[in-house]
Amino acid sequence: MGLMELSIDTSTRYASVALSKDGEVTMQLAWRSEQNHSVEFMPAARRLMEQAGVEVRQIRAVFVARGPGGFSALRVGVSIAKSLAMAQAIPLVAVGTLDIEAQPYLGLGVPVCAVLPAGRTTVYTGMYGAGDVVGKSADGRHSVGTIDDVISSVTEKMLFCGEAAGDIAASLQETMGGMVRVVVHPPPTRYPSVLAQLGYRRLQASDTDDPDTLQPIYMRGAQFEAVQRRMPPR
């Protein structure tokens, strides 16, 4: 099968692992973690690679969802990705989880807001402008807040998507009516193929991450906003 890329996403309870060739997924597994990712992820990854007939030495790059997300969940995926990159001396590319959620809806001519659960009544949001094109990363407008905060931020027609979209759909549509369109379907809402595509584009541009210094974006509002301020625009 030749050299492959491995994509890892453990941002939330919904996890995935995939193999791709030049950014095109050839095999994938996605599941809802009933125990925790530290117990379930490695057996799933081994099963995927065995089914595909791929050995670790054939992995030429690793792509990982960086967050935001759950503390323990993210730590598992990012730690595995960093360890693999260092052990095999291969490139590591970290992709924002909100970018993965928003990517399928960019380029439609309307602003997009991707939402992820941030605990209890709060959500993480990533805002993408109407002029953003497919493949463009976040423009830096990220925040964490309550559903009321999200509603108050809507000033134009907007499309909402992401894992938390179903949780806030009723409130959004009741308050904003035709101002919003909410994409609601059962999770998982993130596709391994999107992570693979975004990761591969950065790999081609030699835009990789240092496994020694890469840190996840955990489910903490202050840390999330601080990390976003430090991240250079893409």
Protein backbone atom coordinates (compact mmCIF):
# COMPACT_ATOMS: atom_id res chain seq x y z
CA MET A 1 0.00 0.00 0.00
CA GLY A 2 3.05 2.26 0.26
CA LEU A 3 3.54 5.17 2.64
CA MET A 4 0.46 6.41 4.51
CA GLU A 5 -0.64 9.13 6.91
CA LEU A 6 -2.35 8.42 10.23
CA SER A 7 -5.13 10.75 11.48
CA ILE A 8 -6.10 10.84 15.17
CA ASP A 9 -9.07 12.63 16.74
CA THR A 10 -9.95 12.20 20.42
CA SER A 11 -11.25 15.73 20.99
CA THR A 12 -14.50 14.62 22.60
CA ARG A 13 -16.21 11.37 23.52
CA TYR A 14 -16.47 10.72 19.78
CA ALA A 15 -13.15 9.47 18.46
CA SER A 16 -11.72 8.41 15.12
CA VAL A 17 -8.58 7.02 13.57
CA ALA A 18 -7.89 6.84 9.85
CA LEU A 19 -5.28 5.95 7.28
CA SER A 20 -4.85 8.12 4.20
CA LYS A 21 -2.65 8.34 1.15
CA ASP A 22 -1.85 11.86 -0.02
CA GLY A 23 -4.70 13.16 2.14
CA GLU A 24 -7.34 10.75 0.79
CA VAL A 25 -8.70 8.36 3.42
CA THR A 26 -8.44 4.69 2.53
CA MET A 27 -9.71 3.20 5.80
CA GLN A 28 -11.18 4.63 8.99
CA LEU A 29 -12.81 3.80 12.32
CA ALA A 30 -15.06 6.12 14.32
CA TRP A 31 -16.82 5.35 17.59
CA ARG A 32 -18.32 6.73 20.78
CA SER A 33 -16.01 5.98 23.68
CA GLU A 34 -17.93 4.15 26.39
CA GLN A 35 -14.95 3.85 28.76
CA ASN A 36 -12.15 6.27 27.94
CA HIS A 37 -9.81 6.90 25.05
CA SER A 38 -6.77 5.63 26.93
CA VAL A 39 -8.40 2.17 27.03
CA GLU A 40 -10.03 2.10 23.61
CA PHE A 41 -7.88 4.08 21.20
CA MET A 42 -4.78 1.92 20.77
CA PRO A 43 -6.71 -1.33 20.21
CA ALA A 44 -8.80 0.48 17.60
CA ALA A 45 -5.69 1.86 15.88
CA ARG A 46 -4.01 -1.54 15.85
CA ARG A 47 -7.14 -3.16 14.43
CA LEU A 48 -7.34 -0.56 11.68
CA MET A 49 -3.70 -1.01 10.68
CA GLU A 50 -3.96 -4.80 10.75
CA GLN A 51 -7.04 -4.72 8.54
CA ALA A 52 -5.27 -2.38 6.12
CA GLY A 53 -2.07 -4.42 6.17
CA VAL A 54 -0.07 -1.34 7.18
CA GLU A 55 2.89 -1.39 9.57
CA VAL A 56 4.09 1.49 11.71
CA ARG A 57 7.17 1.95 9.52
CA GLN A 58 4.85 2.78 6.61
CA ILE A 59 3.38 5.81 8.41
CA ARG A 60 5.05 8.89 6.92
CA ALA A 61 3.12 11.58 8.84
CA VAL A 62 0.63 11.89 11.66
CA PHE A 63 -2.28 14.35 11.78
CA VAL A 64 -4.03 15.07 15.07
CA ALA A 65 -7.02 17.10 16.19
CA ARG A 66 -5.64 19.61 18.68
CA GLY A 67 -8.85 20.78 20.35
CA PRO A 68 -10.61 22.43 22.01
CA GLY A 69 -12.09 19.43 23.73
CA GLY A 70 -12.09 17.40 26.90
CA PHE A 71 -8.93 17.41 29.04
CA SER A 72 -8.45 13.63 29.32
CA ALA A 73 -9.78 12.91 25.84
CA LEU A 74 -7.46 15.33 24.05
CA ARG A 75 -4.45 14.34 26.10
CA VAL A 76 -4.69 10.76 24.86
CA GLY A 77 -4.78 11.58 21.15
CA VAL A 78 -2.18 14.34 21.21
CA SER A 79 0.19 12.28 23.38
CA ILE A 80 -0.04 9.31 21.02
CA ALA A 81 0.54 11.53 17.99
CA LYS A 82 3.55 13.23 19.56
CA SER A 83 5.07 9.91 20.67
CA LEU A 84 4.63 8.39 17.21
CA ALA A 85 6.14 11.41 15.48
CA MET A 86 9.18 11.40 17.75
CA ALA A 87 9.69 7.64 17.72
CA GLN A 88 9.43 7.35 13.93
CA ALA A 89 11.01 10.75 13.15
CA ILE A 90 8.05 11.74 10.97
CA PRO A 91 6.19 15.06 10.57
CA LEU A 92 3.39 16.00 12.95
CA VAL A 93 0.52 18.29 11.95
CA ALA A 94 -2.05 19.49 14.50
CA VAL A 95 -5.42 20.75 13.23
CA GLY A 96 -7.97 22.73 15.24
CA THR A 97 -11.05 20.70 16.08
CA LEU A 98 -13.34 23.62 15.21
CA ASP A 99 -11.65 23.82 11.80
CA ILE A 100 -12.54 20.17 11.22
CA GLU A 101 -16.17 20.82 12.17
CA ALA A 102 -16.48 23.90 9.93
CA GLN A 103 -14.55 22.74 6.89
CA PRO A 104 -17.39 20.96 5.02
CA TYR A 105 -19.52 24.12 5.14
CA LEU A 106 -16.96 26.75 4.14
CA GLY A 107 -17.21 28.40 0.77
CA LEU A 108 -21.03 28.40 0.67
CA GLY A 109 -21.25 32.18 0.73
CA VAL A 110 -22.54 32.51 4.30
CA PRO A 111 -20.71 32.89 7.63
CA VAL A 112 -20.23 29.63 9.52
CA CYS A 113 -20.16 29.11 13.27
CA ALA A 114 -18.83 25.74 14.46
CA VAL A 115 -19.79 24.79 18.01
CA LEU A 116 -18.40 22.20 20.41
CA PRO A 117 -19.61 21.33 23.92
CA ALA A 118 -17.55 23.03 26.61
CA GLY A 119 -19.33 21.66 29.65
CA ARG A 120 -22.80 22.17 31.09
CA THR A 121 -24.34 25.24 29.46
CA THR A 122 -21.29 26.52 27.61
CA VAL A 123 -19.94 25.94 24.12
CA TYR A 124 -16.79 26.67 22.17
CA THR A 125 -17.39 28.60 18.97
CA GLY A 126 -15.28 29.15 15.89
CA MET A 127 -16.43 31.88 13.49
CA TYR A 128 -15.64 31.70 9.77
CA GLY A 129 -16.46 34.51 7.36
CA ALA A 130 -18.62 34.26 4.25
CA GLY A 131 -15.56 34.87 2.12
CA ASP A 132 -13.53 32.03 3.57
CA VAL A 133 -12.68 29.31 1.08
CA VAL A 134 -12.43 25.56 1.45
CA GLY A 135 -9.15 24.71 3.09
CA LYS A 136 -8.70 28.03 4.89
CA SER A 137 -7.99 27.75 8.59
CA ALA A 138 -9.71 29.68 11.37
CA ASP A 139 -9.46 33.43 11.17
CA GLY A 140 -8.87 33.76 14.90
CA ARG A 141 -12.40 34.64 16.02
CA HIS A 142 -12.84 31.98 18.68
CA SER A 143 -14.59 32.17 22.01
CA VAL A 144 -16.24 30.18 24.74
CA GLY A 145 -19.54 31.18 26.32
CA THR A 146 -23.15 30.37 27.06
CA ILE A 147 -25.91 29.78 24.55
CA ASP A 148 -27.13 33.32 25.26
CA ASP A 149 -23.67 34.61 24.36
CA VAL A 150 -23.85 32.75 21.06
CA ILE A 151 -27.32 34.12 20.29
CA SER A 152 -26.28 37.69 21.07
CA SER A 153 -23.34 37.39 18.67
CA VAL A 154 -25.55 36.68 15.65
CA THR A 155 -25.87 39.87 13.60
CA GLU A 156 -26.33 38.37 10.12
CA LYS A 157 -27.50 35.18 8.47
CA MET A 158 -25.30 32.36 9.66
CA LEU A 159 -24.93 28.60 9.41
CA PHE A 160 -24.28 26.66 12.63
CA CYS A 161 -22.64 23.25 12.63
CA GLY A 162 -20.67 20.96 14.91
CA GLU A 163 -21.14 18.51 17.73
CA ALA A 164 -23.05 20.97 19.92
CA ALA A 165 -25.31 22.27 17.13
CA GLY A 166 -28.16 19.97 18.10
CA ASP A 167 -27.99 21.13 21.72
CA ILE A 168 -28.52 24.78 20.83
CA ALA A 169 -30.67 24.44 17.70
CA ALA A 170 -34.03 25.00 19.40
CA SER A 171 -32.84 28.11 21.26
CA LEU A 172 -31.23 29.55 18.15
CA GLN A 173 -34.23 29.01 15.90
CA GLU A 174 -36.73 30.18 18.51
CA THR A 175 -34.82 33.43 19.03
CA MET A 176 -33.30 34.11 15.63
CA GLY A 177 -35.77 32.43 13.26
CA GLY A 178 -34.70 32.70 9.65
CA MET A 179 -31.44 34.39 10.59
CA VAL A 180 -29.83 31.03 11.25
CA ARG A 181 -29.60 27.64 9.66
CA VAL A 182 -28.53 24.82 11.97
CA VAL A 183 -27.03 21.61 10.61
CA VAL A 184 -28.23 18.91 12.99
CA HIS A 185 -27.40 15.26 12.73
CA PRO A 186 -26.31 12.65 15.27
CA PRO A 187 -22.62 12.65 16.19
CA PRO A 188 -19.95 12.03 15.25
CA THR A 189 -20.02 15.29 13.31
CA ARG A 190 -16.29 15.37 12.51
CA TYR A 191 -15.08 13.37 9.54
CA PRO A 192 -11.63 11.72 9.51
CA SER A 193 -11.44 12.57 5.81
CA VAL A 194 -11.57 16.29 6.67
CA LEU A 195 -8.76 16.00 9.22
CA ALA A 196 -6.69 14.06 6.67
CA GLN A 197 -7.27 16.67 3.95
CA LEU A 198 -6.45 19.63 6.19
CA GLY A 199 -3.42 17.88 7.63
CA TYR A 200 -2.09 16.95 4.22
CA ARG A 201 -2.43 20.49 2.88
CA ARG A 202 -0.30 21.77 5.73
CA LEU A 203 2.16 18.91 5.24
CA GLN A 204 2.57 19.86 1.58
CA ALA A 205 3.31 23.42 2.65
CA SER A 206 5.89 22.16 5.19
CA ASP A 207 3.72 23.74 7.88
CA THR A 208 4.28 21.18 10.62
CA ASP A 209 4.31 21.21 14.42
CA ASP A 210 7.09 20.50 16.88
CA PRO A 211 6.20 17.39 18.91
CA ASP A 212 8.35 18.67 21.78
CA THR A 213 6.29 21.83 22.24
CA LEU A 214 2.83 21.05 20.86
CA GLN A 215 0.09 21.37 23.47
CA PRO A 216 -3.60 20.52 23.18
CA ILE A 217 -6.29 23.17 23.57
CA TYR A 218 -8.16 21.88 26.59
CA MET A 219 -11.71 22.56 27.71
CA ARG A 220 -10.90 25.72 29.65
CA GLY A 221 -12.13 29.10 28.50
CA ALA A 222 -9.15 31.20 29.59
CA GLN A 223 -6.59 28.79 28.20
CA PHE A 224 -8.48 28.43 24.92
CA GLU A 225 -8.58 32.17 24.30
CA ALA A 226 -4.95 32.63 25.34
CA VAL A 227 -3.76 29.91 22.98
CA GLN A 228 -5.76 31.38 20.11
CA ARG A 229 -4.16 34.80 20.67
CA ARG A 230 -0.71 33.22 20.42
CA MET A 231 -1.44 31.22 17.27
CA PRO A 232 -0.29 32.94 14.05
CA PRO A 233 -2.93 33.50 11.35
CA ARG A 234 -3.00 30.95 8.54
